[in-house]
Each structure stands twice: as structure tokens, then as C-alpha cells.
Amino acid sequence: MCRSIRTLRRADESASDEEVRAAALQFVRKISGYRQPSRANAPAFDLAVDEVAQAARVLLDSLHTPASR
């Protein structure tokens, strides 16, 4: 679906908050169809990005990754 979103789960390091937010932004852009929302839609768009980023962080922090590949 979102081919430009990079895999953020890595065994050697945690994804940065900036990486998680960028992935969330790409996801919300894809599903909303907006690259840049109108002023009227900006609050809903920004809230969705925040919530997706938060959910992604919870997921990444909960996953068990092997010590080595």
C-alpha cells in the first residue's frame, strides 16, 4: 500500500521519533488522499498523524526482536 514507508523495526537500533512520525504522515496522506489538507481538514489530519505515530511507537516498543540476524 504505502511503498514509500520504510520498515522501522530493526534489531540493531530503535526507530527515531522523526522516523515514526514521517511514516505516520505518509500513511495518513495515503489513506486520506491529501498531501496537504485544507485548513478545515488540518486539525483532523494532524490528529490522525499524531494517533498513528503513537500507535506505531507502542507497536515498535512492544515487539521482541532477535539480538542478531
N, C-alpha and C. Protein backbone atom coordinates (compact mmCIF):
# COMPACT_ATOMS: atom_id res chain seq x y z
N MET A 1 0.83 -1.19 0.00
CA MET A 1 0.00 0.00 0.00
C MET A 1 0.87 1.25 0.00
N CYS A 2 1.61 1.48 1.05
CA CYS A 2 2.44 2.68 1.15
C CYS A 2 3.88 2.30 0.91
N ARG A 3 4.26 2.22 -0.32
CA ARG A 3 5.59 1.72 -0.67
C ARG A 3 6.71 2.62 -0.19
N SER A 4 6.44 3.90 0.03
CA SER A 4 7.50 4.80 0.46
C SER A 4 7.76 4.75 1.97
N ILE A 5 6.93 4.02 2.70
CA ILE A 5 7.14 3.90 4.14
C ILE A 5 8.19 2.82 4.38
N ARG A 6 9.25 3.19 5.09
CA ARG A 6 10.32 2.24 5.39
C ARG A 6 9.95 1.37 6.57
N THR A 7 10.51 0.17 6.60
CA THR A 7 10.35 -0.70 7.75
C THR A 7 11.12 -0.09 8.91
N LEU A 8 10.45 0.09 10.04
CA LEU A 8 11.07 0.75 11.17
C LEU A 8 11.55 -0.22 12.24
N ARG A 9 11.17 -1.47 12.14
CA ARG A 9 11.61 -2.47 13.12
C ARG A 9 12.99 -2.97 12.71
N ARG A 10 13.96 -2.69 13.57
CA ARG A 10 15.33 -3.12 13.29
C ARG A 10 15.91 -3.73 14.56
N ALA A 11 16.73 -4.75 14.38
CA ALA A 11 17.33 -5.41 15.54
C ALA A 11 18.44 -4.57 16.17
N ASP A 12 19.10 -3.76 15.37
CA ASP A 12 20.28 -3.04 15.86
C ASP A 12 19.99 -1.69 16.51
N GLU A 13 18.85 -1.09 16.23
CA GLU A 13 18.53 0.21 16.82
C GLU A 13 17.03 0.49 16.76
N SER A 14 16.57 1.35 17.65
CA SER A 14 15.17 1.74 17.66
C SER A 14 14.94 2.82 16.62
N ALA A 15 13.74 2.85 16.09
CA ALA A 15 13.37 3.92 15.16
C ALA A 15 13.26 5.23 15.94
N SER A 16 13.72 6.29 15.33
CA SER A 16 13.62 7.60 15.98
C SER A 16 12.18 8.10 15.92
N ASP A 17 11.88 9.06 16.78
CA ASP A 17 10.54 9.66 16.76
C ASP A 17 10.28 10.32 15.41
N GLU A 18 11.31 10.89 14.81
CA GLU A 18 11.15 11.53 13.50
C GLU A 18 10.80 10.50 12.43
N GLU A 19 11.43 9.32 12.47
CA GLU A 19 11.12 8.26 11.52
C GLU A 19 9.69 7.76 11.69
N VAL A 20 9.27 7.60 12.93
CA VAL A 20 7.91 7.13 13.21
C VAL A 20 6.90 8.16 12.74
N ARG A 21 7.14 9.41 13.00
CA ARG A 21 6.21 10.47 12.58
C ARG A 21 6.16 10.57 11.05
N ALA A 22 7.29 10.45 10.39
CA ALA A 22 7.32 10.50 8.92
C ALA A 22 6.51 9.35 8.32
N ALA A 23 6.63 8.18 8.90
CA ALA A 23 5.86 7.03 8.42
C ALA A 23 4.36 7.25 8.66
N ALA A 24 4.02 7.80 9.82
CA ALA A 24 2.62 8.09 10.13
C ALA A 24 2.06 9.12 9.16
N LEU A 25 2.84 10.15 8.87
CA LEU A 25 2.41 11.17 7.93
C LEU A 25 2.16 10.57 6.54
N GLN A 26 3.06 9.73 6.07
CA GLN A 26 2.88 9.09 4.76
C GLN A 26 1.62 8.23 4.75
N PHE A 27 1.39 7.50 5.83
CA PHE A 27 0.21 6.64 5.93
C PHE A 27 -1.07 7.47 5.88
N VAL A 28 -1.13 8.54 6.65
CA VAL A 28 -2.33 9.39 6.68
C VAL A 28 -2.53 10.07 5.34
N ARG A 29 -1.46 10.52 4.71
CA ARG A 29 -1.58 11.10 3.37
C ARG A 29 -2.18 10.09 2.40
N LYS A 30 -1.71 8.87 2.47
CA LYS A 30 -2.19 7.84 1.54
C LYS A 30 -3.67 7.54 1.75
N ILE A 31 -4.07 7.32 2.99
CA ILE A 31 -5.46 6.92 3.20
C ILE A 31 -6.44 8.08 3.09
N SER A 32 -5.95 9.32 3.34
CA SER A 32 -6.86 10.48 3.24
C SER A 32 -6.95 11.01 1.81
N GLY A 33 -5.91 10.75 1.02
CA GLY A 33 -5.87 11.30 -0.33
C GLY A 33 -5.38 12.73 -0.38
N TYR A 34 -4.92 13.26 0.76
CA TYR A 34 -4.41 14.63 0.84
C TYR A 34 -2.90 14.62 1.04
N ARG A 35 -2.22 15.38 0.22
CA ARG A 35 -0.80 15.63 0.51
C ARG A 35 -0.73 16.72 1.56
N GLN A 36 -1.53 17.75 1.35
CA GLN A 36 -1.64 18.86 2.30
C GLN A 36 -3.14 19.13 2.47
N PRO A 37 -3.70 18.92 3.65
CA PRO A 37 -5.14 19.12 3.83
C PRO A 37 -5.52 20.59 3.82
N SER A 38 -6.77 20.87 3.56
CA SER A 38 -7.27 22.25 3.65
C SER A 38 -7.23 22.70 5.10
N ARG A 39 -7.39 23.98 5.32
CA ARG A 39 -7.42 24.49 6.70
C ARG A 39 -8.53 23.83 7.50
N ALA A 40 -9.65 23.61 6.85
CA ALA A 40 -10.79 23.00 7.55
C ALA A 40 -10.49 21.56 7.98
N ASN A 41 -9.68 20.85 7.18
CA ASN A 41 -9.37 19.46 7.49
C ASN A 41 -8.06 19.27 8.24
N ALA A 42 -7.28 20.33 8.39
CA ALA A 42 -5.96 20.22 9.03
C ALA A 42 -6.01 19.67 10.46
N PRO A 43 -6.95 20.11 11.31
CA PRO A 43 -6.96 19.55 12.67
C PRO A 43 -7.20 18.04 12.69
N ALA A 44 -8.11 17.56 11.88
CA ALA A 44 -8.38 16.11 11.83
C ALA A 44 -7.18 15.36 11.27
N PHE A 45 -6.56 15.93 10.24
CA PHE A 45 -5.38 15.33 9.61
C PHE A 45 -4.23 15.24 10.62
N ASP A 46 -3.95 16.35 11.30
CA ASP A 46 -2.85 16.38 12.27
C ASP A 46 -3.10 15.43 13.44
N LEU A 47 -4.34 15.36 13.89
CA LEU A 47 -4.69 14.44 14.97
C LEU A 47 -4.47 13.00 14.53
N ALA A 48 -4.85 12.69 13.30
CA ALA A 48 -4.66 11.33 12.78
C ALA A 48 -3.18 10.98 12.72
N VAL A 49 -2.35 11.91 12.27
CA VAL A 49 -0.90 11.67 12.22
C VAL A 49 -0.38 11.40 13.63
N ASP A 50 -0.78 12.20 14.59
CA ASP A 50 -0.33 12.00 15.97
C ASP A 50 -0.76 10.64 16.51
N GLU A 51 -2.01 10.26 16.25
CA GLU A 51 -2.51 8.99 16.78
C GLU A 51 -1.86 7.79 16.09
N VAL A 52 -1.63 7.88 14.80
CA VAL A 52 -0.96 6.79 14.09
C VAL A 52 0.49 6.67 14.58
N ALA A 53 1.16 7.79 14.76
CA ALA A 53 2.54 7.76 15.27
C ALA A 53 2.59 7.15 16.67
N GLN A 54 1.63 7.51 17.50
CA GLN A 54 1.59 6.95 18.85
C GLN A 54 1.35 5.44 18.80
N ALA A 55 0.42 5.00 17.99
CA ALA A 55 0.14 3.57 17.86
C ALA A 55 1.35 2.83 17.31
N ALA A 56 2.04 3.43 16.35
CA ALA A 56 3.23 2.81 15.78
C ALA A 56 4.32 2.68 16.83
N ARG A 57 4.51 3.71 17.63
CA ARG A 57 5.53 3.66 18.68
C ARG A 57 5.21 2.56 19.69
N VAL A 58 3.95 2.45 20.10
CA VAL A 58 3.55 1.40 21.03
C VAL A 58 3.84 0.03 20.42
N LEU A 59 3.50 -0.15 19.17
CA LEU A 59 3.77 -1.42 18.50
C LEU A 59 5.27 -1.71 18.46
N LEU A 60 6.06 -0.77 17.99
CA LEU A 60 7.50 -0.99 17.88
C LEU A 60 8.14 -1.28 19.24
N ASP A 61 7.69 -0.58 20.26
CA ASP A 61 8.24 -0.80 21.61
C ASP A 61 7.81 -2.13 22.21
N SER A 62 6.74 -2.71 21.69
CA SER A 62 6.22 -3.97 22.22
C SER A 62 6.77 -5.20 21.51
N LEU A 63 7.32 -5.02 20.32
CA LEU A 63 7.81 -6.16 19.56
C LEU A 63 9.13 -6.66 20.12
N HIS A 64 9.29 -7.96 20.09
CA HIS A 64 10.53 -8.59 20.51
C HIS A 64 11.34 -8.84 19.26
N THR A 65 12.54 -8.31 19.21
CA THR A 65 13.40 -8.52 18.05
C THR A 65 14.58 -9.39 18.46
N PRO A 66 15.03 -10.22 17.54
CA PRO A 66 16.18 -11.06 17.88
C PRO A 66 17.44 -10.21 18.09
N ALA A 67 18.31 -10.69 18.93
CA ALA A 67 19.55 -9.96 19.24
C ALA A 67 20.43 -9.84 18.01
N SER A 68 20.42 -10.83 17.17
CA SER A 68 21.20 -10.77 15.93
C SER A 68 20.42 -11.47 14.82
N ARG A 69 20.78 -11.15 13.61
CA ARG A 69 20.08 -11.74 12.47
C ARG A 69 20.83 -12.89 11.88
